[in-house]
């Protein structure tokens, strides 16, 4: 069985940065109306300590407790995170259907390989029930390293064990795909579901 791994944001979940507006998701679109939070102002949060949060070196709750008052927002951090997570999960159902079909062939074990901190990872795995589909989720805060760090891929290799075929990995970030290929994986750029269904190995298994 081949290990097939998928990024989450931009692959399993529709990206807010996709060039096709019809494929974009923007969980923060209504923040200003709901909480008085300007999106551009809030985006400062991702430019400060988010790398440390994603790698599990700082709690996202602690970081938001510190950050939100600096932009004049008075809201319970846990309530804000609930709002964030519930609105930031438009799943790519067509891709998920293809992954389930691949599983039924018996040709693959499927995993998530994603840059997440602990709380959103838990939400994805338990609340969205991705644990009912995927064999495991390798995420940055769990591993202590984030894509495209070489250590991220090394940690995943150790977890899945020796493979007879190079792991196949779908990601929407070119740097991550390049890093996977350098590591010896079969990295595949993902922009639409066609990149999954038309991949030669996937196509062979699903025919």
Protein backbone atom coordinates (compact mmCIF):
# COMPACT_ATOMS: atom_id res chain seq x y z
CA UNK A 1 0.00 0.00 0.00
CA UNK A 2 1.33 3.41 -0.98
CA UNK A 3 1.32 6.34 1.44
CA UNK A 4 -0.63 9.25 -0.08
CA UNK A 5 -0.56 12.53 1.83
CA UNK A 6 -2.62 15.69 1.50
CA UNK A 7 -2.20 19.26 2.66
CA UNK A 8 -5.29 20.77 4.29
CA UNK A 9 -5.67 24.49 3.48
CA UNK A 10 -5.79 24.97 -0.26
CA UNK A 11 -6.23 21.25 -0.92
CA UNK A 12 -8.69 19.53 1.39
CA UNK A 13 -10.16 22.90 2.35
CA UNK A 14 -10.74 25.54 -0.31
CA UNK A 15 -8.13 28.28 -0.20
CA UNK A 16 -8.76 31.98 0.34
CA UNK A 17 -5.85 32.61 -2.03
CA UNK A 18 -7.01 30.55 -5.02
CA UNK A 19 -6.84 32.52 -8.31
CA UNK A 20 -10.34 31.34 -9.22
CA UNK A 21 -12.81 33.41 -7.10
CA UNK A 22 -15.34 30.59 -7.27
CA UNK A 23 -12.89 28.38 -5.38
CA UNK A 24 -11.94 30.91 -2.73
CA UNK A 25 -13.02 30.66 0.86
CA UNK A 26 -12.64 33.63 3.14
CA UNK A 27 -13.60 32.79 6.70
CA UNK A 28 -12.88 36.35 7.84
CA UNK A 29 -15.24 38.02 5.36
CA UNK A 30 -17.80 38.91 8.04
CA UNK A 31 -15.47 39.61 10.97
CA UNK A 32 -15.98 43.34 10.77
CA UNK A 33 -19.76 43.03 10.83
CA UNK A 34 -19.79 40.36 13.54
CA UNK A 35 -17.02 41.61 15.82
CA UNK A 36 -15.83 44.98 14.51
CA UNK A 37 -12.52 43.43 13.43
CA UNK A 38 -11.00 44.80 10.24
CA UNK A 39 -9.57 41.90 8.19
CA UNK A 40 -6.42 43.73 7.15
CA UNK A 41 -5.73 44.70 10.73
CA UNK A 42 -6.31 41.15 11.94
CA UNK A 43 -3.89 39.80 9.32
CA UNK A 44 -1.10 41.37 11.37
CA UNK A 45 -1.56 38.37 13.65
CA UNK A 46 -0.27 36.02 10.97
CA UNK A 47 2.78 38.19 10.31
CA UNK A 48 3.98 38.23 13.92
CA UNK A 49 4.36 35.01 15.89
CA UNK A 50 2.28 32.60 13.84
CA UNK A 51 5.31 30.53 12.84
CA UNK A 52 5.96 29.81 16.51
CA UNK A 53 2.30 28.97 17.07
CA UNK A 54 2.14 26.58 14.13
CA UNK A 55 5.29 24.79 15.33
CA UNK A 56 3.72 24.28 18.76
CA UNK A 57 6.08 26.64 20.57
CA UNK A 58 3.40 29.08 21.65
CA UNK A 59 -0.28 28.66 22.46
CA UNK A 60 -2.67 30.29 20.00
CA UNK A 61 -4.90 31.18 22.97
CA UNK A 62 -2.07 33.02 24.69
CA UNK A 63 -1.10 34.76 21.45
CA UNK A 64 -4.66 35.94 20.77
CA UNK A 65 -5.13 36.98 24.39
CA UNK A 66 -2.17 39.29 23.85
CA UNK A 67 -2.97 40.41 20.30
CA UNK A 68 -6.70 41.12 20.25
CA UNK A 69 -6.57 43.97 22.82
CA UNK A 70 -3.83 45.68 20.77
CA UNK A 71 -6.32 46.14 17.91
CA UNK A 72 -9.10 47.28 20.22
CA UNK A 73 -11.07 44.03 20.25
CA UNK A 74 -12.85 42.90 23.39
CA UNK A 75 -13.98 39.34 22.84
CA UNK A 76 -13.43 36.07 24.64
CA UNK A 77 -10.57 34.35 22.84
CA UNK A 78 -12.18 30.91 22.95
CA UNK A 79 -15.39 32.32 21.46
CA UNK A 80 -13.34 33.91 18.69
CA UNK A 81 -11.52 30.65 17.98
CA UNK A 82 -14.83 28.80 17.77
CA UNK A 83 -16.04 31.38 15.23
CA UNK A 84 -12.77 31.05 13.29
CA UNK A 85 -12.72 27.26 13.15
CA UNK A 86 -16.40 26.88 12.31
CA UNK A 87 -16.13 29.34 9.42
CA UNK A 88 -12.75 28.18 8.10
CA UNK A 89 -13.63 24.67 6.99
CA UNK A 90 -15.33 24.56 3.55
CA UNK A 91 -14.28 21.05 2.60
CA UNK A 92 -13.42 20.05 -0.94
CA UNK A 93 -16.10 17.37 -1.17
CA UNK A 94 -15.15 16.29 -4.69
CA UNK A 95 -11.59 15.59 -3.56
CA UNK A 96 -12.80 13.79 -0.44
CA UNK A 97 -14.96 11.56 -2.60
CA UNK A 98 -11.92 10.71 -4.72
CA UNK A 99 -9.87 9.93 -1.61
CA UNK A 100 -12.57 7.57 -0.36
CA UNK A 101 -12.62 5.85 -3.75
CA UNK A 102 -8.85 5.47 -3.58
CA UNK A 103 -9.13 3.92 -0.13
CA UNK A 104 -11.65 1.39 -1.35
CA UNK A 105 -9.16 0.10 -3.93
CA UNK A 106 -6.87 -1.03 -1.11
CA UNK A 107 -3.90 0.54 -2.89
CA UNK A 108 -3.16 3.34 -0.43
CA UNK A 109 -3.07 4.55 3.14
CA UNK A 110 -4.08 8.20 3.25
CA UNK A 111 -2.74 10.86 5.59
CA UNK A 112 -2.88 14.58 6.22
CA UNK A 113 0.39 16.54 6.21
CA UNK A 114 -0.33 20.10 7.24
CA UNK A 115 0.89 23.21 9.01
CA UNK A 116 -1.55 23.47 11.93
CA UNK A 117 -1.45 24.36 15.60
CA UNK A 118 -3.00 22.03 18.15
CA UNK A 119 -6.53 23.42 18.55
CA UNK A 120 -7.41 23.69 14.88
CA UNK A 121 -5.82 20.30 14.26
CA UNK A 122 -8.14 18.84 16.90
CA UNK A 123 -11.13 20.58 15.30
CA UNK A 124 -10.25 19.16 11.87
CA UNK A 125 -9.63 15.67 13.18
CA UNK A 126 -12.51 15.28 15.63
CA UNK A 127 -15.19 17.88 14.89
CA UNK A 128 -15.00 17.49 11.09
CA UNK A 129 -14.48 13.76 11.58
CA UNK A 130 -11.53 13.54 9.25
CA UNK A 131 -10.35 10.76 11.55
CA UNK A 132 -13.09 8.65 9.92
CA UNK A 133 -11.32 8.99 6.55
CA UNK A 134 -7.59 9.42 7.09
CA UNK A 135 -5.19 7.03 8.76
CA UNK A 136 -3.32 9.78 10.62
CA UNK A 137 -2.70 13.52 10.61
CA UNK A 138 0.86 14.81 10.71
CA UNK A 139 0.72 18.46 11.66
CA UNK A 140 3.41 20.99 12.45
CA UNK A 141 2.69 21.55 16.15
CA UNK A 142 2.67 17.80 16.75
CA UNK A 143 5.99 17.31 14.96
CA UNK A 144 7.67 20.52 16.10
CA UNK A 145 8.52 21.47 12.52
CA UNK A 146 6.54 23.03 9.66
CA UNK A 147 6.65 22.59 5.91
CA UNK A 148 8.89 23.24 4.05
CA UNK A 149 11.38 22.36 6.84
CA UNK A 150 13.24 19.17 5.91
CA UNK A 151 12.66 17.96 9.47
CA UNK A 152 8.90 17.93 8.87
CA UNK A 153 9.28 15.32 6.13
CA UNK A 154 11.81 13.34 8.17
CA UNK A 155 9.39 13.14 11.09
CA UNK A 156 6.60 11.92 8.82
CA UNK A 157 8.93 9.30 7.31
CA UNK A 158 9.69 7.99 10.78
CA UNK A 159 5.99 7.82 11.62
CA UNK A 160 4.85 5.96 8.51
CA UNK A 161 7.87 3.67 8.39
CA UNK A 162 9.74 2.26 5.39
CA UNK A 163 7.85 2.46 2.10
CA UNK A 164 8.24 0.37 -1.04
CA UNK A 165 7.18 3.40 -3.11
CA UNK A 166 7.92 7.07 -2.59
CA UNK A 167 5.07 8.73 -0.66
CA UNK A 168 2.78 10.72 -2.95
CA UNK A 169 2.09 14.21 -1.60
CA UNK A 170 -0.42 16.84 -2.80
CA UNK A 171 0.11 20.45 -1.72
CA UNK A 172 -0.87 23.87 -3.09
CA UNK A 173 2.46 25.47 -2.10
CA UNK A 174 5.29 25.19 -4.59
CA UNK A 175 7.94 25.47 -1.85
CA UNK A 176 6.37 22.55 -0.03
CA UNK A 177 6.17 20.45 -3.19
CA UNK A 178 9.80 21.24 -4.00
CA UNK A 179 10.89 20.34 -0.46
CA UNK A 180 9.01 17.04 -0.66
CA UNK A 181 10.66 16.18 -3.96
CA UNK A 182 14.10 17.02 -2.57
CA UNK A 183 13.32 14.71 0.32
CA UNK A 184 12.58 11.87 -2.09
CA UNK A 185 8.80 12.00 -2.08
CA UNK A 186 6.61 12.32 -5.17
CA UNK A 187 5.40 15.89 -4.65
CA UNK A 188 2.47 17.03 -6.78
CA UNK A 189 1.22 20.60 -7.11
CA UNK A 190 -2.50 20.92 -6.38
CA UNK A 191 -4.64 23.69 -7.80
CA UNK A 192 -7.88 21.83 -8.59
CA UNK A 193 -9.30 18.35 -8.17
CA UNK A 194 -8.03 17.53 -11.67
CA UNK A 195 -4.48 17.54 -10.29
CA UNK A 196 -5.51 14.62 -8.09
CA UNK A 197 -7.70 12.70 -10.51
CA UNK A 198 -5.28 13.12 -13.45
CA UNK A 199 -2.15 12.15 -11.55
CA UNK A 200 -0.88 9.04 -13.41
CA UNK A 201 -0.72 6.79 -10.36
CA UNK A 202 -4.09 7.91 -8.99
CA UNK A 203 -5.68 7.55 -12.41
CA UNK A 204 -4.37 4.00 -12.68
CA UNK A 205 -5.82 3.02 -9.31
CA UNK A 206 -9.24 4.56 -9.94
CA UNK A 207 -9.85 3.28 -13.45
